[in-house]
Amino acid sequence: MHPYLFELASLMAIFSFAIVSPGADLAMVMRQSILHGRRSAIITSFGIGTSLMFHVTYTILGLGLIISQSIYLFNIVKWCGVAYLVYIGIKSLRAGKTDMTVEQNKVAGESRRQSVAKAFGLGFAANALNPKPVFFFLSIFSTVVSLHTPMMVKFGYGLVMASCLIAWFVGVSIFMTTPKMRMAFSRASQWIDRVSGAVFIVLGLKLATEKAG
């Protein structure tokens, strides 16, 4: 096997577990699917994937090492992430019942559609403001990828991982927006908001306890 293919296979073997593990990204995509529909959830998925390339890029360029060694920089990223997750959580807790019936959708129409920029930004921010990827990508790239591997090949690894992440969340978006799932969640939309809000707040508080190194 070509060494680059072996490196990629090793990276994906590790990354596959990170993709499916519950976290802020999954909670965000599920909430988008339930409350704003398939279109917004898929756009949010692309925002998450793009944000992953952001993490991969600074890791390859060496900035990840600087952030991981600087408590000051780490805390800036961490507390921005905490503030964002708690803010989203509070908004969810304060949201009222969402009617997702076909009749209301016909009346509301495009006026209730979430903008592309907002849907994309929610996904990008949920991932970008999480400092955990700093250590995750720094550790797996330094462990699995050779120092002699060309930078463009490393970026190629990142693109493959980002594409797989997007594909996973697009799949989640499609599953969560099937007619049967939407009807089931429509009847419990307010409780879903409350639960998802609590999840975001808990994730934010958990993030607040993270320490560099």
N, C-alpha and C. Protein backbone atom coordinates (compact mmCIF):
# COMPACT_ATOMS: atom_id res chain seq x y z
N MET A 1 0.85 -1.21 0.00
CA MET A 1 0.00 0.00 0.00
C MET A 1 0.88 1.25 0.00
N HIS A 2 0.49 2.23 -0.79
CA HIS A 2 1.23 3.49 -0.82
C HIS A 2 1.19 4.12 0.57
N PRO A 3 2.31 4.69 1.04
CA PRO A 3 2.33 5.26 2.39
C PRO A 3 1.28 6.33 2.63
N TYR A 4 0.96 7.11 1.60
CA TYR A 4 -0.06 8.15 1.77
C TYR A 4 -1.45 7.53 1.98
N LEU A 5 -1.72 6.45 1.27
CA LEU A 5 -3.00 5.77 1.44
C LEU A 5 -3.10 5.13 2.82
N PHE A 6 -1.96 4.62 3.30
CA PHE A 6 -1.94 4.04 4.64
C PHE A 6 -2.19 5.13 5.69
N GLU A 7 -1.56 6.29 5.50
CA GLU A 7 -1.78 7.40 6.44
C GLU A 7 -3.25 7.82 6.43
N LEU A 8 -3.83 7.95 5.24
CA LEU A 8 -5.22 8.37 5.13
C LEU A 8 -6.14 7.34 5.78
N ALA A 9 -5.88 6.06 5.53
CA ALA A 9 -6.71 5.00 6.13
C ALA A 9 -6.62 5.04 7.65
N SER A 10 -5.42 5.30 8.16
CA SER A 10 -5.23 5.38 9.62
C SER A 10 -5.97 6.58 10.20
N LEU A 11 -5.87 7.72 9.50
CA LEU A 11 -6.58 8.91 9.95
C LEU A 11 -8.09 8.68 9.99
N MET A 12 -8.61 8.07 8.91
CA MET A 12 -10.06 7.87 8.81
C MET A 12 -10.55 6.85 9.83
N ALA A 13 -9.72 5.87 10.17
CA ALA A 13 -10.10 4.88 11.18
C ALA A 13 -10.33 5.56 12.53
N ILE A 14 -9.47 6.54 12.84
CA ILE A 14 -9.61 7.29 14.09
C ILE A 14 -10.75 8.29 13.98
N PHE A 15 -10.79 9.00 12.85
CA PHE A 15 -11.76 10.08 12.67
C PHE A 15 -13.19 9.56 12.62
N SER A 16 -13.39 8.33 12.15
CA SER A 16 -14.75 7.78 12.04
C SER A 16 -15.45 7.72 13.39
N PHE A 17 -14.68 7.49 14.45
CA PHE A 17 -15.27 7.47 15.78
C PHE A 17 -15.65 8.88 16.22
N ALA A 18 -14.83 9.86 15.85
CA ALA A 18 -15.13 11.25 16.21
C ALA A 18 -16.36 11.75 15.47
N ILE A 19 -16.57 11.30 14.24
CA ILE A 19 -17.71 11.75 13.44
C ILE A 19 -19.04 11.40 14.11
N VAL A 20 -19.15 10.16 14.57
CA VAL A 20 -20.45 9.68 15.08
C VAL A 20 -20.65 9.95 16.56
N SER A 21 -19.62 10.42 17.26
CA SER A 21 -19.77 10.67 18.69
C SER A 21 -20.67 11.89 18.93
N PRO A 22 -21.57 11.81 19.93
CA PRO A 22 -22.47 12.93 20.22
C PRO A 22 -21.70 14.17 20.64
N GLY A 23 -22.19 15.32 20.25
CA GLY A 23 -21.55 16.57 20.61
C GLY A 23 -22.36 17.75 20.11
N ALA A 24 -21.78 18.94 20.19
CA ALA A 24 -22.48 20.15 19.79
C ALA A 24 -22.87 20.14 18.31
N ASP A 25 -22.00 19.58 17.46
CA ASP A 25 -22.29 19.53 16.03
C ASP A 25 -23.55 18.71 15.74
N LEU A 26 -23.63 17.52 16.34
CA LEU A 26 -24.78 16.66 16.13
C LEU A 26 -26.04 17.29 16.68
N ALA A 27 -25.94 17.89 17.87
CA ALA A 27 -27.09 18.54 18.47
C ALA A 27 -27.58 19.68 17.59
N MET A 28 -26.65 20.42 17.00
CA MET A 28 -27.02 21.54 16.13
C MET A 28 -27.74 21.06 14.88
N VAL A 29 -27.21 20.02 14.23
CA VAL A 29 -27.82 19.51 13.01
C VAL A 29 -29.20 18.92 13.29
N MET A 30 -29.34 18.22 14.40
CA MET A 30 -30.65 17.65 14.75
C MET A 30 -31.67 18.75 15.01
N ARG A 31 -31.26 19.80 15.70
CA ARG A 31 -32.18 20.90 15.98
C ARG A 31 -32.56 21.63 14.69
N GLN A 32 -31.59 21.84 13.82
CA GLN A 32 -31.87 22.48 12.54
C GLN A 32 -32.85 21.64 11.71
N SER A 33 -32.64 20.34 11.71
CA SER A 33 -33.52 19.44 10.96
C SER A 33 -34.95 19.51 11.46
N ILE A 34 -35.10 19.49 12.77
CA ILE A 34 -36.43 19.44 13.37
C ILE A 34 -37.17 20.76 13.24
N LEU A 35 -36.46 21.87 13.47
CA LEU A 35 -37.12 23.17 13.54
C LEU A 35 -37.09 23.97 12.25
N HIS A 36 -36.10 23.74 11.40
CA HIS A 36 -35.98 24.56 10.19
C HIS A 36 -35.98 23.76 8.90
N GLY A 37 -36.00 22.44 9.00
CA GLY A 37 -36.13 21.63 7.80
C GLY A 37 -34.83 21.16 7.20
N ARG A 38 -34.98 20.33 6.16
CA ARG A 38 -33.84 19.67 5.53
C ARG A 38 -32.86 20.65 4.91
N ARG A 39 -33.37 21.67 4.23
CA ARG A 39 -32.50 22.63 3.54
C ARG A 39 -31.54 23.29 4.53
N SER A 40 -32.07 23.82 5.63
CA SER A 40 -31.23 24.50 6.61
C SER A 40 -30.25 23.54 7.27
N ALA A 41 -30.70 22.32 7.56
CA ALA A 41 -29.83 21.33 8.20
C ALA A 41 -28.66 20.95 7.31
N ILE A 42 -28.93 20.80 6.02
CA ILE A 42 -27.85 20.44 5.08
C ILE A 42 -26.86 21.59 4.95
N ILE A 43 -27.35 22.82 4.88
CA ILE A 43 -26.46 23.98 4.81
C ILE A 43 -25.61 24.07 6.08
N THR A 44 -26.23 23.81 7.23
CA THR A 44 -25.49 23.79 8.49
C THR A 44 -24.41 22.71 8.48
N SER A 45 -24.71 21.57 7.86
CA SER A 45 -23.74 20.48 7.73
C SER A 45 -22.51 20.93 6.95
N PHE A 46 -22.73 21.70 5.89
CA PHE A 46 -21.61 22.23 5.11
C PHE A 46 -20.82 23.25 5.93
N GLY A 47 -21.50 23.99 6.79
CA GLY A 47 -20.80 24.93 7.66
C GLY A 47 -19.88 24.20 8.62
N ILE A 48 -20.34 23.07 9.15
CA ILE A 48 -19.52 22.27 10.06
C ILE A 48 -18.32 21.70 9.32
N GLY A 49 -18.54 21.19 8.11
CA GLY A 49 -17.44 20.63 7.32
C GLY A 49 -16.40 21.67 6.95
N THR A 50 -16.86 22.87 6.60
CA THR A 50 -15.94 23.97 6.28
C THR A 50 -15.12 24.36 7.50
N SER A 51 -15.77 24.37 8.66
CA SER A 51 -15.07 24.70 9.90
C SER A 51 -14.00 23.66 10.22
N LEU A 52 -14.27 22.40 9.87
CA LEU A 52 -13.26 21.36 10.09
C LEU A 52 -11.99 21.67 9.30
N MET A 53 -12.15 22.16 8.06
CA MET A 53 -10.98 22.54 7.25
C MET A 53 -10.23 23.70 7.89
N PHE A 54 -10.96 24.56 8.58
CA PHE A 54 -10.34 25.66 9.33
C PHE A 54 -9.40 25.09 10.39
N HIS A 55 -9.89 24.09 11.14
CA HIS A 55 -9.06 23.45 12.17
C HIS A 55 -7.87 22.73 11.55
N VAL A 56 -8.12 22.00 10.47
CA VAL A 56 -7.05 21.26 9.81
C VAL A 56 -5.97 22.21 9.29
N THR A 57 -6.39 23.34 8.73
CA THR A 57 -5.45 24.29 8.14
C THR A 57 -4.49 24.86 9.17
N TYR A 58 -5.03 25.34 10.30
CA TYR A 58 -4.10 25.93 11.27
C TYR A 58 -3.26 24.84 11.96
N THR A 59 -3.80 23.62 12.02
CA THR A 59 -2.99 22.53 12.58
C THR A 59 -1.79 22.24 11.69
N ILE A 60 -2.03 22.17 10.38
CA ILE A 60 -0.95 21.89 9.42
C ILE A 60 0.07 23.02 9.40
N LEU A 61 -0.41 24.26 9.53
CA LEU A 61 0.48 25.42 9.49
C LEU A 61 1.25 25.62 10.79
N GLY A 62 0.91 24.85 11.81
CA GLY A 62 1.64 24.94 13.08
C GLY A 62 0.99 25.81 14.12
N LEU A 63 -0.12 26.47 13.78
CA LEU A 63 -0.78 27.35 14.75
C LEU A 63 -1.44 26.54 15.86
N GLY A 64 -1.84 25.31 15.53
CA GLY A 64 -2.45 24.46 16.54
C GLY A 64 -1.51 24.21 17.70
N LEU A 65 -0.24 24.02 17.40
CA LEU A 65 0.75 23.80 18.44
C LEU A 65 0.89 25.04 19.33
N ILE A 66 0.86 26.21 18.69
CA ILE A 66 0.97 27.47 19.44
C ILE A 66 -0.22 27.63 20.39
N ILE A 67 -1.44 27.37 19.86
CA ILE A 67 -2.64 27.51 20.68
C ILE A 67 -2.63 26.51 21.83
N SER A 68 -2.22 25.27 21.52
CA SER A 68 -2.22 24.24 22.56
C SER A 68 -1.22 24.54 23.66
N GLN A 69 -0.19 25.31 23.36
CA GLN A 69 0.84 25.64 24.35
C GLN A 69 0.58 26.98 25.03
N SER A 70 -0.39 27.74 24.55
CA SER A 70 -0.68 29.06 25.12
C SER A 70 -2.01 29.00 25.87
N ILE A 71 -1.95 29.09 27.18
CA ILE A 71 -3.17 29.07 27.99
C ILE A 71 -4.05 30.26 27.64
N TYR A 72 -3.41 31.41 27.38
CA TYR A 72 -4.17 32.63 27.06
C TYR A 72 -4.99 32.46 25.79
N LEU A 73 -4.35 31.99 24.71
CA LEU A 73 -5.06 31.79 23.45
C LEU A 73 -6.11 30.70 23.56
N PHE A 74 -5.76 29.64 24.28
CA PHE A 74 -6.71 28.55 24.46
C PHE A 74 -7.96 29.04 25.17
N ASN A 75 -7.77 29.85 26.21
CA ASN A 75 -8.92 30.34 26.98
C ASN A 75 -9.78 31.29 26.17
N ILE A 76 -9.17 32.07 25.28
CA ILE A 76 -9.96 32.95 24.42
C ILE A 76 -10.92 32.11 23.56
N VAL A 77 -10.37 31.08 22.92
CA VAL A 77 -11.19 30.20 22.08
C VAL A 77 -12.23 29.48 22.93
N LYS A 78 -11.80 28.99 24.08
CA LYS A 78 -12.69 28.21 24.93
C LYS A 78 -13.90 29.03 25.40
N TRP A 79 -13.64 30.24 25.90
CA TRP A 79 -14.74 31.02 26.47
C TRP A 79 -15.66 31.59 25.39
N CYS A 80 -15.12 31.80 24.20
CA CYS A 80 -16.00 32.16 23.07
C CYS A 80 -16.93 31.00 22.76
N GLY A 81 -16.40 29.80 22.79
CA GLY A 81 -17.21 28.62 22.56
C GLY A 81 -18.25 28.42 23.64
N VAL A 82 -17.87 28.61 24.88
CA VAL A 82 -18.80 28.48 26.00
C VAL A 82 -19.94 29.48 25.86
N ALA A 83 -19.60 30.73 25.57
CA ALA A 83 -20.61 31.78 25.43
C ALA A 83 -21.59 31.46 24.29
N TYR A 84 -21.05 30.96 23.19
CA TYR A 84 -21.89 30.64 22.03
C TYR A 84 -22.85 29.50 22.35
N LEU A 85 -22.36 28.43 22.96
CA LEU A 85 -23.21 27.28 23.26
C LEU A 85 -24.29 27.64 24.29
N VAL A 86 -23.92 28.40 25.31
CA VAL A 86 -24.90 28.81 26.32
C VAL A 86 -25.94 29.73 25.70
N TYR A 87 -25.51 30.63 24.83
CA TYR A 87 -26.44 31.54 24.14
C TYR A 87 -27.45 30.76 23.31
N ILE A 88 -26.97 29.80 22.52
CA ILE A 88 -27.87 28.97 21.71
C ILE A 88 -28.81 28.18 22.62
N GLY A 89 -28.27 27.68 23.73
CA GLY A 89 -29.08 26.91 24.68
C GLY A 89 -30.20 27.73 25.28
N ILE A 90 -29.89 28.96 25.69
CA ILE A 90 -30.90 29.84 26.28
C ILE A 90 -31.98 30.19 25.26
N LYS A 91 -31.57 30.46 24.01
CA LYS A 91 -32.53 30.75 22.96
C LYS A 91 -33.48 29.57 22.75
N SER A 92 -32.94 28.36 22.80
CA SER A 92 -33.76 27.17 22.61
C SER A 92 -34.74 27.00 23.77
N LEU A 93 -34.27 27.24 24.99
CA LEU A 93 -35.14 27.09 26.16
C LEU A 93 -36.29 28.09 26.14
N ARG A 94 -36.04 29.26 25.57
CA ARG A 94 -37.06 30.32 25.54
C ARG A 94 -37.99 30.22 24.34
N ALA A 95 -37.69 29.33 23.41
CA ALA A 95 -38.51 29.20 22.20
C ALA A 95 -39.86 28.61 22.53
N GLY A 96 -40.89 29.05 21.81
CA GLY A 96 -42.24 28.52 21.98
C GLY A 96 -42.44 27.29 21.13
N LYS A 97 -43.65 26.77 21.17
CA LYS A 97 -43.99 25.58 20.39
C LYS A 97 -43.92 25.90 18.90
N THR A 98 -43.32 25.02 18.14
CA THR A 98 -43.21 25.20 16.69
C THR A 98 -44.19 24.29 15.98
N ASP A 99 -45.08 24.87 15.20
CA ASP A 99 -46.05 24.09 14.44
C ASP A 99 -45.45 23.77 13.09
N MET A 100 -45.27 22.49 12.82
CA MET A 100 -44.64 22.08 11.58
C MET A 100 -45.62 21.36 10.66
N THR A 101 -46.90 21.63 10.80
CA THR A 101 -47.89 20.98 9.95
C THR A 101 -47.81 21.52 8.53
N VAL A 102 -48.32 20.78 7.60
CA VAL A 102 -48.30 21.18 6.20
C VAL A 102 -49.10 22.45 5.98
N GLU A 103 -50.23 22.57 6.71
CA GLU A 103 -51.09 23.75 6.52
C GLU A 103 -50.36 25.03 6.88
N GLN A 104 -49.63 25.03 8.02
CA GLN A 104 -48.94 26.25 8.41
C GLN A 104 -47.80 26.55 7.48
N ASN A 105 -47.12 25.52 7.01
CA ASN A 105 -46.02 25.74 6.09
C ASN A 105 -46.49 26.42 4.82
N LYS A 106 -47.71 26.09 4.37
CA LYS A 106 -48.26 26.72 3.17
C LYS A 106 -48.52 28.20 3.42
N VAL A 107 -48.96 28.52 4.64
CA VAL A 107 -49.27 29.92 4.96
C VAL A 107 -47.99 30.71 5.19
N ALA A 108 -47.10 30.12 6.00
CA ALA A 108 -45.87 30.83 6.34
C ALA A 108 -44.95 30.98 5.14
N GLY A 109 -44.84 29.91 4.36
CA GLY A 109 -44.04 29.94 3.14
C GLY A 109 -42.61 30.33 3.39
N GLU A 110 -42.09 31.17 2.47
CA GLU A 110 -40.68 31.53 2.50
C GLU A 110 -40.33 32.45 3.66
N SER A 111 -41.33 33.12 4.26
CA SER A 111 -41.03 34.10 5.30
C SER A 111 -40.38 33.46 6.52
N ARG A 112 -40.61 32.14 6.72
CA ARG A 112 -40.05 31.46 7.88
C ARG A 112 -38.76 30.72 7.54
N ARG A 113 -38.36 30.79 6.28
CA ARG A 113 -37.17 30.05 5.87
C ARG A 113 -35.91 30.71 6.42
N GLN A 114 -35.06 29.92 6.99
CA GLN A 114 -33.81 30.42 7.54
C GLN A 114 -32.84 30.76 6.41
N SER A 115 -32.14 31.88 6.54
CA SER A 115 -31.23 32.29 5.48
C SER A 115 -30.05 31.34 5.37
N VAL A 116 -29.46 31.30 4.17
CA VAL A 116 -28.29 30.45 3.94
C VAL A 116 -27.14 30.86 4.86
N ALA A 117 -26.92 32.16 4.97
CA ALA A 117 -25.81 32.66 5.79
C ALA A 117 -25.97 32.26 7.26
N LYS A 118 -27.20 32.36 7.77
CA LYS A 118 -27.43 32.03 9.18
C LYS A 118 -27.27 30.53 9.41
N ALA A 119 -27.83 29.71 8.52
CA ALA A 119 -27.73 28.26 8.66
C ALA A 119 -26.28 27.80 8.58
N PHE A 120 -25.54 28.35 7.62
CA PHE A 120 -24.12 28.01 7.46
C PHE A 120 -23.32 28.49 8.67
N GLY A 121 -23.60 29.72 9.10
CA GLY A 121 -22.87 30.29 10.23
C GLY A 121 -23.07 29.54 11.53
N LEU A 122 -24.28 29.02 11.75
CA LEU A 122 -24.54 28.24 12.96
C LEU A 122 -23.65 26.99 13.00
N GLY A 123 -23.56 26.31 11.86
CA GLY A 123 -22.71 25.12 11.80
C GLY A 123 -21.24 25.45 11.94
N PHE A 124 -20.80 26.49 11.24
CA PHE A 124 -19.39 26.88 11.27
C PHE A 124 -18.98 27.29 12.68
N ALA A 125 -19.80 28.12 13.33
CA ALA A 125 -19.46 28.62 14.66
C ALA A 125 -19.47 27.50 15.69
N ALA A 126 -20.43 26.58 15.59
CA ALA A 126 -20.52 25.49 16.56
C ALA A 126 -19.25 24.67 16.58
N ASN A 127 -18.62 24.50 15.44
CA ASN A 127 -17.39 23.71 15.34
C ASN A 127 -16.14 24.56 15.55
N ALA A 128 -16.13 25.76 14.96
CA ALA A 128 -14.93 26.61 15.02
C ALA A 128 -14.62 27.09 16.43
N LEU A 129 -15.66 27.31 17.25
CA LEU A 129 -15.46 27.84 18.59
C LEU A 129 -15.25 26.75 19.63
N ASN A 130 -15.00 25.55 19.16
CA ASN A 130 -14.71 24.43 20.06
C ASN A 130 -13.20 24.16 20.04
N PRO A 131 -12.50 24.36 21.15
CA PRO A 131 -11.04 24.17 21.14
C PRO A 131 -10.60 22.71 21.13
N LYS A 132 -11.53 21.78 21.34
CA LYS A 132 -11.16 20.36 21.36
C LYS A 132 -10.48 19.90 20.07
N PRO A 133 -10.98 20.36 18.88
CA PRO A 133 -10.31 19.93 17.64
C PRO A 133 -8.84 20.33 17.56
N VAL A 134 -8.46 21.38 18.30
CA VAL A 134 -7.05 21.78 18.31
C VAL A 134 -6.18 20.59 18.73
N PHE A 135 -6.57 19.96 19.83
CA PHE A 135 -5.80 18.84 20.35
C PHE A 135 -6.04 17.57 19.56
N PHE A 136 -7.27 17.40 19.09
CA PHE A 136 -7.59 16.18 18.33
C PHE A 136 -6.76 16.10 17.06
N PHE A 137 -6.82 17.15 16.24
CA PHE A 137 -6.09 17.11 14.97
C PHE A 137 -4.58 17.19 15.18
N LEU A 138 -4.16 17.96 16.19
CA LEU A 138 -2.73 18.04 16.47
C LEU A 138 -2.18 16.68 16.87
N SER A 139 -2.96 15.94 17.67
CA SER A 139 -2.49 14.64 18.14
C SER A 139 -2.49 13.60 17.04
N ILE A 140 -3.59 13.53 16.25
CA ILE A 140 -3.63 12.47 15.23
C ILE A 140 -2.70 12.77 14.06
N PHE A 141 -2.55 14.05 13.71
CA PHE A 141 -1.63 14.38 12.61
C PHE A 141 -0.18 14.14 13.03
N SER A 142 0.15 14.46 14.28
CA SER A 142 1.53 14.27 14.73
C SER A 142 1.84 12.79 14.96
N THR A 143 0.81 12.00 15.25
CA THR A 143 1.00 10.58 15.51
C THR A 143 1.00 9.74 14.24
N VAL A 144 0.05 10.04 13.34
CA VAL A 144 -0.18 9.20 12.16
C VAL A 144 0.55 9.71 10.93
N VAL A 145 0.62 11.03 10.77
CA VAL A 145 1.16 11.61 9.53
C VAL A 145 2.65 11.90 9.68
N SER A 146 3.41 11.49 8.69
CA SER A 146 4.86 11.69 8.71
C SER A 146 5.21 13.16 8.51
N LEU A 147 6.29 13.58 9.11
CA LEU A 147 6.77 14.95 8.94
C LEU A 147 7.16 15.22 7.48
N HIS A 148 7.47 14.17 6.76
CA HIS A 148 7.92 14.30 5.38
C HIS A 148 6.75 14.31 4.37
N THR A 149 5.54 14.11 4.86
CA THR A 149 4.38 14.14 3.97
C THR A 149 4.18 15.57 3.48
N PRO A 150 4.07 15.79 2.17
CA PRO A 150 3.89 17.15 1.63
C PRO A 150 2.65 17.83 2.20
N MET A 151 2.73 19.15 2.34
CA MET A 151 1.63 19.92 2.90
C MET A 151 0.34 19.75 2.10
N MET A 152 0.46 19.71 0.76
CA MET A 152 -0.73 19.57 -0.07
C MET A 152 -1.41 18.22 0.15
N VAL A 153 -0.62 17.20 0.42
CA VAL A 153 -1.20 15.89 0.72
C VAL A 153 -1.96 15.95 2.05
N LYS A 154 -1.39 16.66 3.02
CA LYS A 154 -2.05 16.82 4.31
C LYS A 154 -3.38 17.56 4.15
N PHE A 155 -3.38 18.59 3.30
CA PHE A 155 -4.63 19.30 3.03
C PHE A 155 -5.64 18.36 2.36
N GLY A 156 -5.12 17.45 1.52
CA GLY A 156 -5.97 16.46 0.89
C GLY A 156 -6.63 15.55 1.92
N TYR A 157 -5.86 15.17 2.93
CA TYR A 157 -6.42 14.38 4.03
C TYR A 157 -7.58 15.15 4.68
N GLY A 158 -7.34 16.44 4.91
CA GLY A 158 -8.36 17.27 5.55
C GLY A 158 -9.62 17.35 4.71
N LEU A 159 -9.46 17.48 3.40
CA LEU A 159 -10.63 17.55 2.52
C LEU A 159 -11.44 16.26 2.55
N VAL A 160 -10.74 15.14 2.60
CA VAL A 160 -11.44 13.85 2.69
C VAL A 160 -12.22 13.76 4.00
N MET A 161 -11.60 14.17 5.11
CA MET A 161 -12.27 14.13 6.40
C MET A 161 -13.46 15.09 6.44
N ALA A 162 -13.29 16.29 5.87
CA ALA A 162 -14.38 17.25 5.83
C ALA A 162 -15.54 16.73 4.99
N SER A 163 -15.22 16.10 3.87
CA SER A 163 -16.26 15.55 2.99
C SER A 163 -17.04 14.44 3.70
N CYS A 164 -16.33 13.59 4.44
CA CYS A 164 -17.00 12.52 5.18
C CYS A 164 -17.88 13.09 6.30
N LEU A 165 -17.39 14.14 6.95
CA LEU A 165 -18.17 14.78 8.01
C LEU A 165 -19.45 15.38 7.44
N ILE A 166 -19.33 16.07 6.32
CA ILE A 166 -20.51 16.66 5.67
C ILE A 166 -21.48 15.56 5.26
N ALA A 167 -20.97 14.48 4.66
CA ALA A 167 -21.83 13.38 4.22
C ALA A 167 -22.59 12.77 5.40
N TRP A 168 -21.92 12.63 6.54
CA TRP A 168 -22.57 12.07 7.72
C TRP A 168 -23.71 12.96 8.19
N PHE A 169 -23.46 14.26 8.29
CA PHE A 169 -24.49 15.16 8.80
C PHE A 169 -25.61 15.41 7.78
N VAL A 170 -25.28 15.33 6.50
CA VAL A 170 -26.34 15.40 5.48
C VAL A 170 -27.25 14.18 5.63
N GLY A 171 -26.65 13.02 5.89
CA GLY A 171 -27.45 11.82 6.12
C GLY A 171 -28.35 11.97 7.34
N VAL A 172 -27.80 12.55 8.42
CA VAL A 172 -28.61 12.81 9.61
C VAL A 172 -29.75 13.77 9.28
N SER A 173 -29.44 14.81 8.48
CA SER A 173 -30.44 15.80 8.09
C SER A 173 -31.58 15.16 7.32
N ILE A 174 -31.24 14.28 6.38
CA ILE A 174 -32.27 13.62 5.57
C ILE A 174 -33.13 12.69 6.42
N PHE A 175 -32.47 11.94 7.30
CA PHE A 175 -33.21 11.01 8.16
C PHE A 175 -34.16 11.76 9.09
N MET A 176 -33.67 12.85 9.68
CA MET A 176 -34.48 13.59 10.65
C MET A 176 -35.63 14.36 10.01
N THR A 177 -35.59 14.53 8.69
CA THR A 177 -36.64 15.31 8.02
C THR A 177 -37.54 14.44 7.15
N THR A 178 -37.52 13.14 7.33
CA THR A 178 -38.50 12.30 6.65
C THR A 178 -39.88 12.60 7.21
N PRO A 179 -40.95 12.43 6.43
CA PRO A 179 -42.31 12.78 6.89
C PRO A 179 -42.67 12.19 8.25
N LYS A 180 -42.37 10.91 8.47
CA LYS A 180 -42.74 10.28 9.74
C LYS A 180 -42.00 10.92 10.91
N MET A 181 -40.71 11.21 10.71
CA MET A 181 -39.93 11.82 11.78
C MET A 181 -40.42 13.23 12.07
N ARG A 182 -40.74 14.00 11.02
CA ARG A 182 -41.22 15.38 11.22
C ARG A 182 -42.56 15.39 11.94
N MET A 183 -43.45 14.48 11.60
CA MET A 183 -44.74 14.43 12.28
C MET A 183 -44.58 14.08 13.75
N ALA A 184 -43.65 13.14 14.03
CA ALA A 184 -43.42 12.74 15.41
C ALA A 184 -42.84 13.89 16.23
N PHE A 185 -41.87 14.58 15.64
CA PHE A 185 -41.23 15.68 16.36
C PHE A 185 -42.11 16.93 16.43
N SER A 186 -43.03 17.07 15.48
CA SER A 186 -43.93 18.22 15.49
C SER A 186 -44.77 18.24 16.75
N ARG A 187 -45.17 17.07 17.21
CA ARG A 187 -46.02 16.98 18.39
C ARG A 187 -45.26 17.27 19.68
N ALA A 188 -43.94 17.22 19.60
CA ALA A 188 -43.14 17.46 20.81
C ALA A 188 -42.11 18.55 20.61
N SER A 189 -42.38 19.49 19.71
CA SER A 189 -41.38 20.49 19.34
C SER A 189 -40.91 21.35 20.52
N GLN A 190 -41.84 21.73 21.40
CA GLN A 190 -41.45 22.58 22.52
C GLN A 190 -40.52 21.84 23.49
N TRP A 191 -40.82 20.57 23.73
CA TRP A 191 -39.96 19.77 24.60
C TRP A 191 -38.61 19.52 23.94
N ILE A 192 -38.62 19.37 22.62
CA ILE A 192 -37.36 19.18 21.90
C ILE A 192 -36.49 20.42 22.06
N ASP A 193 -37.11 21.60 21.95
CA ASP A 193 -36.37 22.84 22.16
C ASP A 193 -35.77 22.88 23.56
N ARG A 194 -36.57 22.48 24.54
CA ARG A 194 -36.09 22.52 25.92
C ARG A 194 -34.93 21.54 26.14
N VAL A 195 -35.09 20.35 25.61
CA VAL A 195 -34.04 19.34 25.78
C VAL A 195 -32.76 19.76 25.05
N SER A 196 -32.92 20.21 23.78
CA SER A 196 -31.75 20.62 23.02
C SER A 196 -31.08 21.83 23.66
N GLY A 197 -31.90 22.75 24.22
CA GLY A 197 -31.35 23.90 24.92
C GLY A 197 -30.53 23.48 26.12
N ALA A 198 -31.06 22.51 26.89
CA ALA A 198 -30.33 22.01 28.04
C ALA A 198 -29.04 21.32 27.61
N VAL A 199 -29.09 20.59 26.49
CA VAL A 199 -27.90 19.90 25.97
C VAL A 199 -26.82 20.91 25.61
N PHE A 200 -27.20 22.00 24.91
CA PHE A 200 -26.23 23.02 24.53
C PHE A 200 -25.60 23.67 25.76
N ILE A 201 -26.41 23.93 26.77
CA ILE A 201 -25.89 24.56 27.99
C ILE A 201 -24.94 23.62 28.72
N VAL A 202 -25.32 22.34 28.81
CA VAL A 202 -24.45 21.35 29.46
C VAL A 202 -23.13 21.21 28.71
N LEU A 203 -23.21 21.19 27.36
CA LEU A 203 -21.99 21.11 26.56
C LEU A 203 -21.12 22.34 26.79
N GLY A 204 -21.77 23.51 26.92
CA GLY A 204 -21.02 24.74 27.18
C GLY A 204 -20.34 24.69 28.55
N LEU A 205 -21.05 24.20 29.56
CA LEU A 205 -20.47 24.10 30.90
C LEU A 205 -19.35 23.07 30.92
N LYS A 206 -19.54 21.98 30.17
CA LYS A 206 -18.49 20.96 30.08
C LYS A 206 -17.24 21.54 29.43
N LEU A 207 -17.47 22.33 28.38
CA LEU A 207 -16.36 22.97 27.69
C LEU A 207 -15.62 23.93 28.63
N ALA A 208 -16.37 24.58 29.52
CA ALA A 208 -15.78 25.54 30.46
C ALA A 208 -14.78 24.87 31.40
N THR A 209 -14.94 23.56 31.59
CA THR A 209 -14.04 22.85 32.51
C THR A 209 -12.80 22.31 31.80
N GLU A 210 -12.78 22.42 30.45
CA GLU A 210 -11.63 21.91 29.70
C GLU A 210 -10.40 22.74 30.00
N LYS A 211 -9.27 22.07 30.09
CA LYS A 211 -8.00 22.75 30.36
C LYS A 211 -7.00 22.45 29.25
N ALA A 212 -6.15 23.40 28.98
CA ALA A 212 -5.12 23.20 27.96
C ALA A 212 -4.09 22.21 28.48
N GLY A 213 -3.61 21.34 27.56
CA GLY A 213 -2.57 20.41 27.93
C GLY A 213 -3.09 19.19 28.67
